[in-house]
Amino acid sequence: MINKEYFGLKPLCGFVDLRGHRSEEIKNFSRLQRNILLYGGTSLKYDKWKISENNPKLFLCDAKKFQADLIFKLYDKKDKSSNSVLLPENISDGDL
């Protein structure tokens, strides 16, 4: 699905939770797909998220907070007429 067009739009990327009982399969899948990004839960004191030093496709974050923020932002930006999510034109680093 990540490489198909929907309503004339192709997804930019997909986020997959790395933690869990199938983490090796998920790592292998992300290696094969350039537009699959991973996130994994960890405790951060000062940052909302940071990129892993060992894997540039892995975002370290508070997983529950990240999931809640992501779901809210995806729902809030959903174009109900085409069933797609459109990113705002002026997106800040804090939103990414």
PDB file of N, CA and C in Angstrom:
ATOM      1  N   MET A   1       0.807  -1.205   0.000  1.00  0.00           N
ATOM      2  CA  MET A   1       0.000   0.000   0.000  1.00  0.00           C
ATOM      3  C   MET A   1       0.848   1.266   0.000  1.00  0.00           C
ATOM      4  N   ILE A   2       2.033   1.200   0.572  1.00  0.00           N
ATOM      5  CA  ILE A   2       2.852   2.411   0.720  1.00  0.00           C
ATOM      6  C   ILE A   2       3.358   2.931  -0.630  1.00  0.00           C
ATOM      7  N   ASN A   3       3.390   2.093  -1.639  1.00  0.00           N
ATOM      8  CA  ASN A   3       3.910   2.514  -2.942  1.00  0.00           C
ATOM      9  C   ASN A   3       2.827   2.709  -3.997  1.00  0.00           C
ATOM     10  N   LYS A   4       1.560   2.694  -3.598  1.00  0.00           N
ATOM     11  CA  LYS A   4       0.456   2.895  -4.530  1.00  0.00           C
ATOM     12  C   LYS A   4      -0.044   4.332  -4.476  1.00  0.00           C
ATOM     13  N   GLU A   5      -0.681   4.743  -5.560  1.00  0.00           N
ATOM     14  CA  GLU A   5      -1.334   6.047  -5.578  1.00  0.00           C
ATOM     15  C   GLU A   5      -2.787   5.894  -5.165  1.00  0.00           C
ATOM     16  N   TYR A   6      -3.277   6.851  -4.388  1.00  0.00           N
ATOM     17  CA  TYR A   6      -4.668   6.899  -3.972  1.00  0.00           C
ATOM     18  C   TYR A   6      -5.204   8.275  -4.310  1.00  0.00           C
ATOM     19  N   PHE A   7      -6.227   8.325  -5.136  1.00  0.00           N
ATOM     20  CA  PHE A   7      -6.820   9.590  -5.549  1.00  0.00           C
ATOM     21  C   PHE A   7      -5.766  10.523  -6.150  1.00  0.00           C
ATOM     22  N   GLY A   8      -4.816   9.946  -6.867  1.00  0.00           N
ATOM     23  CA  GLY A   8      -3.769  10.738  -7.503  1.00  0.00           C
ATOM     24  C   GLY A   8      -2.635  11.140  -6.577  1.00  0.00           C
ATOM     25  N   LEU A   9      -2.652  10.681  -5.323  1.00  0.00           N
ATOM     26  CA  LEU A   9      -1.606  11.023  -4.351  1.00  0.00           C
ATOM     27  C   LEU A   9      -0.874   9.760  -3.920  1.00  0.00           C
ATOM     28  N   LYS A  10       0.441   9.854  -3.844  1.00  0.00           N
ATOM     29  CA  LYS A  10       1.249   8.737  -3.350  1.00  0.00           C
ATOM     30  C   LYS A  10       1.737   9.081  -1.947  1.00  0.00           C
ATOM     31  N   PRO A  11       1.603   8.168  -0.976  1.00  0.00           N
ATOM     32  CA  PRO A  11       2.059   8.461   0.391  1.00  0.00           C
ATOM     33  C   PRO A  11       3.545   8.842   0.428  1.00  0.00           C
ATOM     34  N   LEU A  12       3.849   9.844   1.244  1.00  0.00           N
ATOM     35  CA  LEU A  12       5.246  10.254   1.421  1.00  0.00           C
ATOM     36  C   LEU A  12       6.009   9.257   2.283  1.00  0.00           C
ATOM     37  N   CYS A  13       5.358   8.795   3.348  1.00  0.00           N
ATOM     38  CA  CYS A  13       6.035   7.874   4.267  1.00  0.00           C
ATOM     39  C   CYS A  13       5.005   7.175   5.140  1.00  0.00           C
ATOM     40  N   GLY A  14       5.475   6.173   5.833  1.00  0.00           N
ATOM     41  CA  GLY A  14       4.658   5.461   6.799  1.00  0.00           C
ATOM     42  C   GLY A  14       5.439   5.311   8.087  1.00  0.00           C
ATOM     43  N   PHE A  15       4.758   5.372   9.221  1.00  0.00           N
ATOM     44  CA  PHE A  15       5.385   5.188  10.527  1.00  0.00           C
ATOM     45  C   PHE A  15       4.970   3.840  11.093  1.00  0.00           C
ATOM     46  N   VAL A  16       5.953   3.087  11.571  1.00  0.00           N
ATOM     47  CA  VAL A  16       5.694   1.775  12.152  1.00  0.00           C
ATOM     48  C   VAL A  16       6.355   1.712  13.519  1.00  0.00           C
ATOM     49  N   ASP A  17       5.623   1.203  14.512  1.00  0.00           N
ATOM     50  CA  ASP A  17       6.148   1.026  15.861  1.00  0.00           C
ATOM     51  C   ASP A  17       7.144  -0.131  15.844  1.00  0.00           C
ATOM     52  N   LEU A  18       8.380   0.141  16.220  1.00  0.00           N
ATOM     53  CA  LEU A  18       9.438  -0.870  16.180  1.00  0.00           C
ATOM     54  C   LEU A  18       9.337  -1.864  17.324  1.00  0.00           C
ATOM     55  N   ARG A  19       8.864  -1.426  18.455  1.00  0.00           N
ATOM     56  CA  ARG A  19       8.854  -2.289  19.634  1.00  0.00           C
ATOM     57  C   ARG A  19       7.760  -3.344  19.517  1.00  0.00           C
ATOM     58  N   GLY A  20       8.022  -4.505  20.074  1.00  0.00           N
ATOM     59  CA  GLY A  20       7.024  -5.567  20.056  1.00  0.00           C
ATOM     60  C   GLY A  20       7.641  -6.896  19.677  1.00  0.00           C
ATOM     61  N   HIS A  21       6.797  -7.893  19.541  1.00  0.00           N
ATOM     62  CA  HIS A  21       7.298  -9.241  19.314  1.00  0.00           C
ATOM     63  C   HIS A  21       7.716  -9.502  17.868  1.00  0.00           C
ATOM     64  N   ARG A  22       7.440  -8.602  16.934  1.00  0.00           N
ATOM     65  CA  ARG A  22       7.840  -8.791  15.533  1.00  0.00           C
ATOM     66  C   ARG A  22       8.841  -7.728  15.093  1.00  0.00           C
ATOM     67  N   SER A  23       9.666  -7.267  16.004  1.00  0.00           N
ATOM     68  CA  SER A  23      10.563  -6.149  15.703  1.00  0.00           C
ATOM     69  C   SER A  23      11.576  -6.471  14.606  1.00  0.00           C
ATOM     70  N   GLU A  24      12.059  -7.702  14.532  1.00  0.00           N
ATOM     71  CA  GLU A  24      13.022  -8.059  13.475  1.00  0.00           C
ATOM     72  C   GLU A  24      12.365  -7.989  12.096  1.00  0.00           C
ATOM     73  N   GLU A  25      11.134  -8.447  11.982  1.00  0.00           N
ATOM     74  CA  GLU A  25      10.409  -8.357  10.707  1.00  0.00           C
ATOM     75  C   GLU A  25      10.207  -6.897  10.311  1.00  0.00           C
ATOM     76  N   ILE A  26       9.874  -6.074  11.292  1.00  0.00           N
ATOM     77  CA  ILE A  26       9.654  -4.652  11.022  1.00  0.00           C
ATOM     78  C   ILE A  26      10.952  -3.984  10.590  1.00  0.00           C
ATOM     79  N   LYS A  27      12.065  -4.295  11.240  1.00  0.00           N
ATOM     80  CA  LYS A  27      13.366  -3.742  10.837  1.00  0.00           C
ATOM     81  C   LYS A  27      13.689  -4.126   9.401  1.00  0.00           C
ATOM     82  N   ASN A  28      13.489  -5.390   9.069  1.00  0.00           N
ATOM     83  CA  ASN A  28      13.776  -5.851   7.705  1.00  0.00           C
ATOM     84  C   ASN A  28      12.867  -5.167   6.684  1.00  0.00           C
ATOM     85  N   PHE A  29      11.590  -5.026   7.004  1.00  0.00           N
ATOM     86  CA  PHE A  29      10.653  -4.353   6.119  1.00  0.00           C
ATOM     87  C   PHE A  29      11.075  -2.906   5.877  1.00  0.00           C
ATOM     88  N   SER A  30      11.498  -2.216   6.928  1.00  0.00           N
ATOM     89  CA  SER A  30      11.901  -0.807   6.777  1.00  0.00           C
ATOM     90  C   SER A  30      13.179  -0.676   5.954  1.00  0.00           C
ATOM     91  N   ARG A  31      14.043  -1.684   6.001  1.00  0.00           N
ATOM     92  CA  ARG A  31      15.260  -1.653   5.173  1.00  0.00           C
ATOM     93  C   ARG A  31      14.914  -1.756   3.685  1.00  0.00           C
ATOM     94  N   LEU A  32      13.865  -2.499   3.374  1.00  0.00           N
ATOM     95  CA  LEU A  32      13.459  -2.703   1.983  1.00  0.00           C
ATOM     96  C   LEU A  32      12.641  -1.542   1.426  1.00  0.00           C
ATOM     97  N   GLN A  33      12.004  -0.781   2.291  1.00  0.00           N
ATOM     98  CA  GLN A  33      11.150   0.330   1.874  1.00  0.00           C
ATOM     99  C   GLN A  33      11.763   1.643   2.329  1.00  0.00           C
ATOM    100  N   ARG A  34      12.190   2.471   1.406  1.00  0.00           N
ATOM    101  CA  ARG A  34      12.863   3.719   1.779  1.00  0.00           C
ATOM    102  C   ARG A  34      11.943   4.708   2.477  1.00  0.00           C
ATOM    103  N   ASN A  35      10.627   4.622   2.244  1.00  0.00           N
ATOM    104  CA  ASN A  35       9.717   5.591   2.830  1.00  0.00           C
ATOM    105  C   ASN A  35       8.997   5.078   4.078  1.00  0.00           C
ATOM    106  N   ILE A  36       9.532   4.025   4.693  1.00  0.00           N
ATOM    107  CA  ILE A  36       9.008   3.547   5.972  1.00  0.00           C
ATOM    108  C   ILE A  36       9.926   4.049   7.082  1.00  0.00           C
ATOM    109  N   LEU A  37       9.361   4.764   8.032  1.00  0.00           N
ATOM    110  CA  LEU A  37      10.104   5.264   9.179  1.00  0.00           C
ATOM    111  C   LEU A  37       9.640   4.514  10.422  1.00  0.00           C
ATOM    112  N   LEU A  38      10.525   4.372  11.378  1.00  0.00           N
ATOM    113  CA  LEU A  38      10.233   3.630  12.598  1.00  0.00           C
ATOM    114  C   LEU A  38      10.189   4.580  13.787  1.00  0.00           C
ATOM    115  N   TYR A  39       9.415   4.211  14.786  1.00  0.00           N
ATOM    116  CA  TYR A  39       9.489   4.912  16.062  1.00  0.00           C
ATOM    117  C   TYR A  39       9.503   3.881  17.167  1.00  0.00           C
ATOM    118  N   GLY A  40      10.199   4.236  18.229  1.00  0.00           N
ATOM    119  CA  GLY A  40      10.313   3.332  19.362  1.00  0.00           C
ATOM    120  C   GLY A  40      10.266   4.117  20.656  1.00  0.00           C
ATOM    121  N   GLY A  41       9.620   3.547  21.628  1.00  0.00           N
ATOM    122  CA  GLY A  41       9.460   4.217  22.911  1.00  0.00           C
ATOM    123  C   GLY A  41      10.737   4.229  23.728  1.00  0.00           C
ATOM    124  N   THR A  42      10.975   5.348  24.355  1.00  0.00           N
ATOM    125  CA  THR A  42      12.089   5.524  25.277  1.00  0.00           C
ATOM    126  C   THR A  42      11.753   6.717  26.161  1.00  0.00           C
ATOM    127  N   SER A  43      12.478   6.888  27.221  1.00  0.00           N
ATOM    128  CA  SER A  43      12.207   8.044  28.079  1.00  0.00           C
ATOM    129  C   SER A  43      13.171   9.172  27.720  1.00  0.00           C
ATOM    130  N   LEU A  44      12.608  10.287  27.317  1.00  0.00           N
ATOM    131  CA  LEU A  44      13.389  11.476  26.987  1.00  0.00           C
ATOM    132  C   LEU A  44      13.072  12.557  28.011  1.00  0.00           C
ATOM    133  N   LYS A  45      14.096  13.200  28.507  1.00  0.00           N
ATOM    134  CA  LYS A  45      13.876  14.219  29.532  1.00  0.00           C
ATOM    135  C   LYS A  45      13.571  15.589  28.945  1.00  0.00           C
ATOM    136  N   TYR A  46      14.228  15.950  27.830  1.00  0.00           N
ATOM    137  CA  TYR A  46      14.127  17.315  27.342  1.00  0.00           C
ATOM    138  C   TYR A  46      13.502  17.442  25.956  1.00  0.00           C
ATOM    139  N   ASP A  47      13.551  16.412  25.168  1.00  0.00           N
ATOM    140  CA  ASP A  47      13.062  16.472  23.796  1.00  0.00           C
ATOM    141  C   ASP A  47      11.772  15.678  23.634  1.00  0.00           C
ATOM    142  N   LYS A  48      10.918  16.117  22.687  1.00  0.00           N
ATOM    143  CA  LYS A  48       9.725  15.333  22.357  1.00  0.00           C
ATOM    144  C   LYS A  48      10.139  14.042  21.661  1.00  0.00           C
ATOM    145  N   TRP A  49      11.140  14.152  20.815  1.00  0.00           N
ATOM    146  CA  TRP A  49      11.657  13.010  20.074  1.00  0.00           C
ATOM    147  C   TRP A  49      13.079  13.319  19.621  1.00  0.00           C
ATOM    148  N   LYS A  50      13.790  12.302  19.233  1.00  0.00           N
ATOM    149  CA  LYS A  50      15.101  12.497  18.626  1.00  0.00           C
ATOM    150  C   LYS A  50      15.376  11.315  17.702  1.00  0.00           C
ATOM    151  N   ILE A  51      16.244  11.537  16.747  1.00  0.00           N
ATOM    152  CA  ILE A  51      16.607  10.477  15.807  1.00  0.00           C
ATOM    153  C   ILE A  51      17.686   9.620  16.443  1.00  0.00           C
ATOM    154  N   SER A  52      17.557   8.328  16.289  1.00  0.00           N
ATOM    155  CA  SER A  52      18.527   7.387  16.841  1.00  0.00           C
ATOM    156  C   SER A  52      19.912   7.624  16.242  1.00  0.00           C
ATOM    157  N   GLU A  53      20.927   7.505  17.067  1.00  0.00           N
ATOM    158  CA  GLU A  53      22.304   7.638  16.576  1.00  0.00           C
ATOM    159  C   GLU A  53      22.710   6.434  15.742  1.00  0.00           C
ATOM    160  N   ASN A  54      22.086   5.279  15.977  1.00  0.00           N
ATOM    161  CA  ASN A  54      22.442   4.048  15.267  1.00  0.00           C
ATOM    162  C   ASN A  54      21.631   3.799  14.002  1.00  0.00           C
ATOM    163  N   ASN A  55      20.423   4.361  13.930  1.00  0.00           N
ATOM    164  CA  ASN A  55      19.542   4.121  12.798  1.00  0.00           C
ATOM    165  C   ASN A  55      18.838   5.423  12.425  1.00  0.00           C
ATOM    166  N   PRO A  56      19.198   6.034  11.296  1.00  0.00           N
ATOM    167  CA  PRO A  56      18.602   7.324  10.928  1.00  0.00           C
ATOM    168  C   PRO A  56      17.115   7.250  10.578  1.00  0.00           C
ATOM    169  N   LYS A  57      16.555   6.046  10.436  1.00  0.00           N
ATOM    170  CA  LYS A  57      15.126   5.899  10.159  1.00  0.00           C
ATOM    171  C   LYS A  57      14.313   5.693  11.429  1.00  0.00           C
ATOM    172  N   LEU A  58      14.980   5.681  12.591  1.00  0.00           N
ATOM    173  CA  LEU A  58      14.311   5.405  13.861  1.00  0.00           C
ATOM    174  C   LEU A  58      14.194   6.671  14.697  1.00  0.00           C
ATOM    175  N   PHE A  59      12.954   7.002  15.053  1.00  0.00           N
ATOM    176  CA  PHE A  59      12.675   8.120  15.945  1.00  0.00           C
ATOM    177  C   PHE A  59      12.446   7.565  17.342  1.00  0.00           C
ATOM    178  N   LEU A  60      13.156   8.088  18.308  1.00  0.00           N
ATOM    179  CA  LEU A  60      12.983   7.701  19.706  1.00  0.00           C
ATOM    180  C   LEU A  60      12.052   8.723  20.348  1.00  0.00           C
ATOM    181  N   CYS A  61      11.063   8.240  21.081  1.00  0.00           N
ATOM    182  CA  CYS A  61      10.062   9.142  21.645  1.00  0.00           C
ATOM    183  C   CYS A  61       9.302   8.434  22.762  1.00  0.00           C
ATOM    184  N   ASP A  62       8.435   9.190  23.426  1.00  0.00           N
ATOM    185  CA  ASP A  62       7.460   8.600  24.338  1.00  0.00           C
ATOM    186  C   ASP A  62       6.374   8.044  23.432  1.00  0.00           C
ATOM    187  N   ALA A  63       6.335   6.723  23.252  1.00  0.00           N
ATOM    188  CA  ALA A  63       5.490   6.098  22.234  1.00  0.00           C
ATOM    189  C   ALA A  63       4.009   6.430  22.405  1.00  0.00           C
ATOM    190  N   LYS A  64       3.493   6.387  23.616  1.00  0.00           N
ATOM    191  CA  LYS A  64       2.063   6.672  23.824  1.00  0.00           C
ATOM    192  C   LYS A  64       1.726   8.112  23.452  1.00  0.00           C
ATOM    193  N   LYS A  65       2.594   9.040  23.839  1.00  0.00           N
ATOM    194  CA  LYS A  65       2.374  10.450  23.509  1.00  0.00           C
ATOM    195  C   LYS A  65       2.496  10.658  21.998  1.00  0.00           C
ATOM    196  N   PHE A  66       3.494  10.041  21.384  1.00  0.00           N
ATOM    197  CA  PHE A  66       3.696  10.159  19.939  1.00  0.00           C
ATOM    198  C   PHE A  66       2.471   9.629  19.185  1.00  0.00           C
ATOM    199  N   GLN A  67       1.983   8.454  19.593  1.00  0.00           N
ATOM    200  CA  GLN A  67       0.814   7.872  18.941  1.00  0.00           C
ATOM    201  C   GLN A  67      -0.397   8.778  19.085  1.00  0.00           C
ATOM    202  N   ALA A  68      -0.605   9.311  20.272  1.00  0.00           N
ATOM    203  CA  ALA A  68      -1.752  10.194  20.502  1.00  0.00           C
ATOM    204  C   ALA A  68      -1.651  11.459  19.650  1.00  0.00           C
ATOM    205  N   ASP A  69      -0.463  12.072  19.604  1.00  0.00           N
ATOM    206  CA  ASP A  69      -0.257  13.276  18.794  1.00  0.00           C
ATOM    207  C   ASP A  69      -0.440  12.969  17.314  1.00  0.00           C
ATOM    208  N   LEU A  70       0.129  11.866  16.861  1.00  0.00           N
ATOM    209  CA  LEU A  70       0.050  11.500  15.452  1.00  0.00           C
ATOM    210  C   LEU A  70      -1.395  11.231  15.037  1.00  0.00           C
ATOM    211  N   ILE A  71      -2.115  10.478  15.827  1.00  0.00           N
ATOM    212  CA  ILE A  71      -3.511  10.176  15.503  1.00  0.00           C
ATOM    213  C   ILE A  71      -4.337  11.458  15.473  1.00  0.00           C
ATOM    214  N   PHE A  72      -4.127  12.346  16.449  1.00  0.00           N
ATOM    215  CA  PHE A  72      -4.872  13.604  16.464  1.00  0.00           C
ATOM    216  C   PHE A  72      -4.551  14.432  15.228  1.00  0.00           C
ATOM    217  N   LYS A  73      -3.263  14.571  14.899  1.00  0.00           N
ATOM    218  CA  LYS A  73      -2.879  15.395  13.747  1.00  0.00           C
ATOM    219  C   LYS A  73      -3.381  14.791  12.439  1.00  0.00           C
ATOM    220  N   LEU A  74      -3.321  13.472  12.322  1.00  0.00           N
ATOM    221  CA  LEU A  74      -3.826  12.834  11.106  1.00  0.00           C
ATOM    222  C   LEU A  74      -5.331  13.031  10.973  1.00  0.00           C
ATOM    223  N   TYR A  75      -6.054  12.878  12.061  1.00  0.00           N
ATOM    224  CA  TYR A  75      -7.503  13.051  12.020  1.00  0.00           C
ATOM    225  C   TYR A  75      -7.860  14.509  11.731  1.00  0.00           C
ATOM    226  N   ASP A  76      -7.140  15.424  12.346  1.00  0.00           N
ATOM    227  CA  ASP A  76      -7.415  16.847  12.202  1.00  0.00           C
ATOM    228  C   ASP A  76      -7.157  17.330  10.774  1.00  0.00           C
ATOM    229  N   LYS A  77      -6.173  16.746  10.084  1.00  0.00           N
ATOM    230  CA  LYS A  77      -5.789  17.197   8.741  1.00  0.00           C
ATOM    231  C   LYS A  77      -6.423  16.365   7.633  1.00  0.00           C
ATOM    232  N   LYS A  78      -7.314  15.471   7.980  1.00  0.00           N
ATOM    233  CA  LYS A  78      -7.882  14.567   6.984  1.00  0.00           C
ATOM    234  C   LYS A  78      -8.834  15.309   6.056  1.00  0.00           C
ATOM    235  N   ASP A  79      -8.612  15.148   4.769  1.00  0.00           N
ATOM    236  CA  ASP A  79      -9.495  15.696   3.755  1.00  0.00           C
ATOM    237  C   ASP A  79     -10.620  14.684   3.557  1.00  0.00           C
ATOM    238  N   LYS A  80     -11.766  14.964   4.101  1.00  0.00           N
ATOM    239  CA  LYS A  80     -12.875  14.006   4.098  1.00  0.00           C
ATOM    240  C   LYS A  80     -13.390  13.700   2.684  1.00  0.00           C
ATOM    241  N   SER A  81     -13.176  14.622   1.739  1.00  0.00           N
ATOM    242  CA  SER A  81     -13.686  14.396   0.386  1.00  0.00           C
ATOM    243  C   SER A  81     -12.862  13.367  -0.379  1.00  0.00           C
ATOM    244  N   SER A  82     -11.545  13.303  -0.133  1.00  0.00           N
ATOM    245  CA  SER A  82     -10.707  12.341  -0.867  1.00  0.00           C
ATOM    246  C   SER A  82     -10.161  11.241   0.033  1.00  0.00           C
ATOM    247  N   ASN A  83     -10.497  11.287   1.319  1.00  0.00           N
ATOM    248  CA  ASN A  83     -10.057  10.262   2.267  1.00  0.00           C
ATOM    249  C   ASN A  83      -8.527  10.200   2.366  1.00  0.00           C
ATOM    250  N   SER A  84      -7.897  11.366   2.330  1.00  0.00           N
ATOM    251  CA  SER A  84      -6.438  11.422   2.425  1.00  0.00           C
ATOM    252  C   SER A  84      -6.030  12.461   3.462  1.00  0.00           C
ATOM    253  N   VAL A  85      -4.774  12.424   3.844  1.00  0.00           N
ATOM    254  CA  VAL A  85      -4.225  13.380   4.799  1.00  0.00           C
ATOM    255  C   VAL A  85      -3.327  14.331   4.037  1.00  0.00           C
ATOM    256  N   LEU A  86      -3.579  15.607   4.158  1.00  0.00           N
ATOM    257  CA  LEU A  86      -2.777  16.609   3.474  1.00  0.00           C
ATOM    258  C   LEU A  86      -1.973  17.390   4.498  1.00  0.00           C
ATOM    259  N   LEU A  87      -0.691  17.567   4.233  1.00  0.00           N
ATOM    260  CA  LEU A  87       0.170  18.325   5.138  1.00  0.00           C
ATOM    261  C   LEU A  87      -0.020  19.814   4.898  1.00  0.00           C
ATOM    262  N   PRO A  88       0.046  20.613   5.965  1.00  0.00           N
ATOM    263  CA  PRO A  88      -0.058  22.065   5.778  1.00  0.00           C
ATOM    264  C   PRO A  88       1.144  22.592   5.013  1.00  0.00           C
ATOM    265  N   GLU A  89       0.942  23.726   4.333  1.00  0.00           N
ATOM    266  CA  GLU A  89       2.019  24.298   3.519  1.00  0.00           C
ATOM    267  C   GLU A  89       3.207  24.737   4.363  1.00  0.00           C
ATOM    268  N   ASN A  90       2.950  25.404   5.473  1.00  0.00           N
ATOM    269  CA  ASN A  90       4.024  25.932   6.318  1.00  0.00           C
ATOM    270  C   ASN A  90       4.113  25.082   7.580  1.00  0.00           C
ATOM    271  N   ILE A  91       4.853  23.994   7.509  1.00  0.00           N
ATOM    272  CA  ILE A  91       4.978  23.090   8.657  1.00  0.00           C
ATOM    273  C   ILE A  91       6.299  23.396   9.375  1.00  0.00           C
ATOM    274  N   SER A  92       6.232  23.507  10.681  1.00  0.00           N
ATOM    275  CA  SER A  92       7.430  23.847  11.450  1.00  0.00           C
ATOM    276  C   SER A  92       8.135  22.584  11.936  1.00  0.00           C
ATOM    277  N   ASP A  93       9.378  22.740  12.341  1.00  0.00           N
ATOM    278  CA  ASP A  93      10.137  21.597  12.871  1.00  0.00           C
ATOM    279  C   ASP A  93       9.464  21.007  14.103  1.00  0.00           C
ATOM    280  N   GLY A  94       8.799  21.825  14.877  1.00  0.00           N
ATOM    281  CA  GLY A  94       8.115  21.350  16.075  1.00  0.00           C
ATOM    282  C   GLY A  94       6.940  20.434  15.761  1.00  0.00           C
ATOM    283  N   ASP A  95       6.373  20.594  14.574  1.00  0.00           N
ATOM    284  CA  ASP A  95       5.241  19.755  14.173  1.00  0.00           C
ATOM    285  C   ASP A  95       5.678  18.424  13.591  1.00  0.00           C
ATOM    286  N   LEU A  96       6.917  18.337  13.146  1.00  0.00           N
ATOM    287  CA  LEU A  96       7.382  17.109  12.508  1.00  0.00           C
ATOM    288  C   LEU A  96       7.777  16.061  13.504  1.00  0.00           C
TER     289      LEU A  96
END
